[in-house]
């Protein structure tokens, strides 16, 4: 096949007439392939995307596919009671919203998490003592909390 660009006697390059037709045919073929792609249905939702289900009052449940949970290294711990009957949770489970309200993500089903309000009475070392919040025995997320919050509230502006 002849080269598309050819040098003339002055050293300048240009497209020969014969090859100009080949270039036009190639562009038409690419254009028709792009048009066919535009008409095809959207690809299915990727397995690594979270599902956000609105529950009302600004709260949603977030369900992660197993691969996403592994990628985020989601870890949980149990809210427990100390000897005085106060609820204690790892401080890493607490997230604050823009209004300064404190929340935890409780495990509501396997790989499904719901943000629940808490009132922090005291922070001592790596633990938060709660005045209000989920009952003792509730599993809460301790690693991956900001990612869950971002997924729930849509940090990408959606």
Protein backbone atom coordinates (compact mmCIF):
# COMPACT_ATOMS: atom_id res chain seq x y z
CA UNK A 1 0.00 0.00 0.00
CA UNK A 2 1.24 3.47 -0.81
CA UNK A 3 2.05 5.88 2.00
CA UNK A 4 -0.65 8.41 2.77
CA UNK A 5 1.79 11.28 3.18
CA UNK A 6 4.14 11.97 0.31
CA UNK A 7 6.88 14.50 -0.13
CA UNK A 8 6.82 16.77 -3.15
CA UNK A 9 9.93 18.32 -4.76
CA UNK A 10 10.02 21.13 -2.16
CA UNK A 11 10.23 18.72 0.77
CA UNK A 12 6.68 19.47 1.94
CA UNK A 13 4.31 16.66 2.75
CA UNK A 14 0.76 16.30 1.55
CA UNK A 15 -1.91 13.64 1.02
CA UNK A 16 -1.98 12.16 -2.44
CA UNK A 17 -5.34 12.11 -4.21
CA UNK A 18 -5.41 8.31 -4.29
CA UNK A 19 -4.75 8.06 -0.58
CA UNK A 20 -7.16 10.89 0.26
CA UNK A 21 -9.98 8.61 -0.86
CA UNK A 22 -8.64 5.82 1.39
CA UNK A 23 -8.48 8.22 4.35
CA UNK A 24 -12.07 9.36 3.69
CA UNK A 25 -13.26 5.73 3.54
CA UNK A 26 -11.47 4.96 6.83
CA UNK A 27 -13.06 7.98 8.52
CA UNK A 28 -16.52 6.93 7.34
CA UNK A 29 -15.93 3.40 8.69
CA UNK A 30 -14.82 4.74 12.09
CA UNK A 31 -17.80 7.10 12.18
CA UNK A 32 -20.26 4.30 11.50
CA UNK A 33 -18.66 2.16 14.24
CA UNK A 34 -19.00 5.05 16.72
CA UNK A 35 -22.65 5.52 15.73
CA UNK A 36 -23.32 1.81 16.30
CA UNK A 37 -21.69 2.03 19.74
CA UNK A 38 -23.89 5.01 20.66
CA UNK A 39 -27.04 2.99 19.82
CA UNK A 40 -26.01 0.01 21.98
CA UNK A 41 -27.52 -0.31 25.48
CA UNK A 42 -25.56 0.87 28.51
CA UNK A 43 -23.30 -1.75 30.08
CA UNK A 44 -24.61 -3.44 33.23
CA UNK A 45 -23.73 -1.92 36.62
CA UNK A 46 -20.27 -2.99 37.70
CA UNK A 47 -20.03 -5.51 40.54
CA UNK A 48 -17.82 -3.14 42.51
CA UNK A 49 -20.36 -0.32 42.85
CA UNK A 50 -22.26 0.27 46.07
CA UNK A 51 -26.05 0.40 46.22
CA UNK A 52 -27.57 3.32 48.14
CA UNK A 53 -31.19 2.94 49.22
CA UNK A 54 -32.92 6.04 50.63
CA UNK A 55 -34.68 5.25 53.91
CA UNK A 56 -36.03 8.75 54.62
CA UNK A 57 -35.10 11.66 56.89
CA UNK A 58 -31.76 12.03 55.09
CA UNK A 59 -30.65 8.50 55.97
CA UNK A 60 -29.79 5.71 53.54
CA UNK A 61 -28.55 2.17 53.69
CA UNK A 62 -25.33 1.45 51.84
CA UNK A 63 -24.76 -2.07 50.50
CA UNK A 64 -21.31 -2.96 49.25
CA UNK A 65 -20.41 -5.76 46.87
CA UNK A 66 -17.87 -8.15 48.40
CA UNK A 67 -15.05 -6.84 46.18
CA UNK A 68 -15.70 -3.25 47.27
CA UNK A 69 -15.76 -4.24 50.95
CA UNK A 70 -12.40 -5.98 50.50
CA UNK A 71 -10.94 -3.02 48.62
CA UNK A 72 -12.05 -0.63 51.38
CA UNK A 73 -10.87 -3.09 54.06
CA UNK A 74 -14.18 -2.66 55.95
CA UNK A 75 -13.82 -3.67 59.60
CA UNK A 76 -16.31 -3.65 62.44
CA UNK A 77 -16.42 -3.75 66.24
CA UNK A 78 -19.18 -4.16 68.76
CA UNK A 79 -20.59 -1.39 70.91
CA UNK A 80 -20.16 -2.64 74.45
CA UNK A 81 -21.08 -1.54 77.95
CA UNK A 82 -18.47 -0.66 80.55
CA UNK A 83 -18.88 -1.72 84.24
CA UNK A 84 -20.88 1.48 84.89
CA UNK A 85 -23.37 0.65 82.10
CA UNK A 86 -22.11 3.30 79.66
CA UNK A 87 -22.05 2.43 75.96
CA UNK A 88 -18.51 2.41 74.55
CA UNK A 89 -17.45 2.28 70.90
CA UNK A 90 -14.08 2.64 69.20
CA UNK A 91 -13.55 6.31 68.41
CA UNK A 92 -12.70 5.26 64.82
CA UNK A 93 -16.39 4.39 64.35
CA UNK A 94 -17.49 8.01 64.87
CA UNK A 95 -17.93 10.40 61.94
CA UNK A 96 -19.04 14.01 62.17
CA UNK A 97 -21.18 15.66 59.51
CA UNK A 98 -20.92 19.29 58.39
CA UNK A 99 -23.26 20.37 61.21
CA UNK A 100 -21.04 18.72 63.84
CA UNK A 101 -23.49 15.90 64.53
CA UNK A 102 -21.90 12.53 65.37
CA UNK A 103 -22.81 9.28 63.64
CA UNK A 104 -21.80 5.62 63.39
CA UNK A 105 -22.48 3.10 60.62
CA UNK A 106 -24.31 0.12 62.12
CA UNK A 107 -24.30 -3.24 60.34
CA UNK A 108 -27.94 -3.96 59.41
CA UNK A 109 -27.28 -7.02 57.21
CA UNK A 110 -24.20 -8.62 55.65
CA UNK A 111 -22.33 -5.86 53.76
CA UNK A 112 -25.19 -3.39 54.47
CA UNK A 113 -24.67 -0.38 56.71
CA UNK A 114 -27.00 2.31 58.06
CA UNK A 115 -25.83 5.60 59.57
CA UNK A 116 -27.18 6.09 63.10
CA UNK A 117 -26.97 9.21 65.26
CA UNK A 118 -24.95 9.13 68.46
CA UNK A 119 -24.30 11.63 71.22
CA UNK A 120 -20.72 11.44 72.48
CA UNK A 121 -20.35 12.04 76.20
CA UNK A 122 -16.61 11.54 76.51
CA UNK A 123 -13.64 10.57 74.39
CA UNK A 124 -10.98 8.69 76.30
CA UNK A 125 -8.03 7.34 74.36
CA UNK A 126 -9.27 5.31 71.40
CA UNK A 127 -12.84 5.01 72.74
CA UNK A 128 -15.96 7.16 72.69
CA UNK A 129 -18.47 6.91 75.52
CA UNK A 130 -22.01 7.44 74.25
CA UNK A 131 -24.94 9.19 75.93
CA UNK A 132 -27.18 8.07 73.07
CA UNK A 133 -26.83 5.68 70.17
CA UNK A 134 -27.35 2.09 69.10
CA UNK A 135 -27.64 -0.51 71.88
CA UNK A 136 -24.71 -2.49 73.22
CA UNK A 137 -24.03 -5.47 70.98
CA UNK A 138 -24.52 -3.49 67.75
CA UNK A 139 -21.74 -4.01 65.20
CA UNK A 140 -20.39 -0.69 63.88
CA UNK A 141 -17.87 0.07 61.14
CA UNK A 142 -14.42 1.12 62.36
CA UNK A 143 -12.45 1.09 59.08
CA UNK A 144 -13.97 2.56 55.92
CA UNK A 145 -16.32 5.00 57.67
CA UNK A 146 -15.45 8.08 55.53
CA UNK A 147 -15.85 6.04 52.35
CA UNK A 148 -19.31 4.86 53.42
CA UNK A 149 -20.32 8.43 54.26
CA UNK A 150 -19.07 9.69 50.91
CA UNK A 151 -20.95 6.93 49.12
CA UNK A 152 -24.15 7.66 51.03
CA UNK A 153 -24.21 11.43 50.62
CA UNK A 154 -22.76 11.44 47.10
CA UNK A 155 -19.52 13.36 47.34
CA UNK A 156 -19.37 13.43 43.53
CA UNK A 157 -22.27 15.91 43.53
CA UNK A 158 -25.01 13.55 42.37
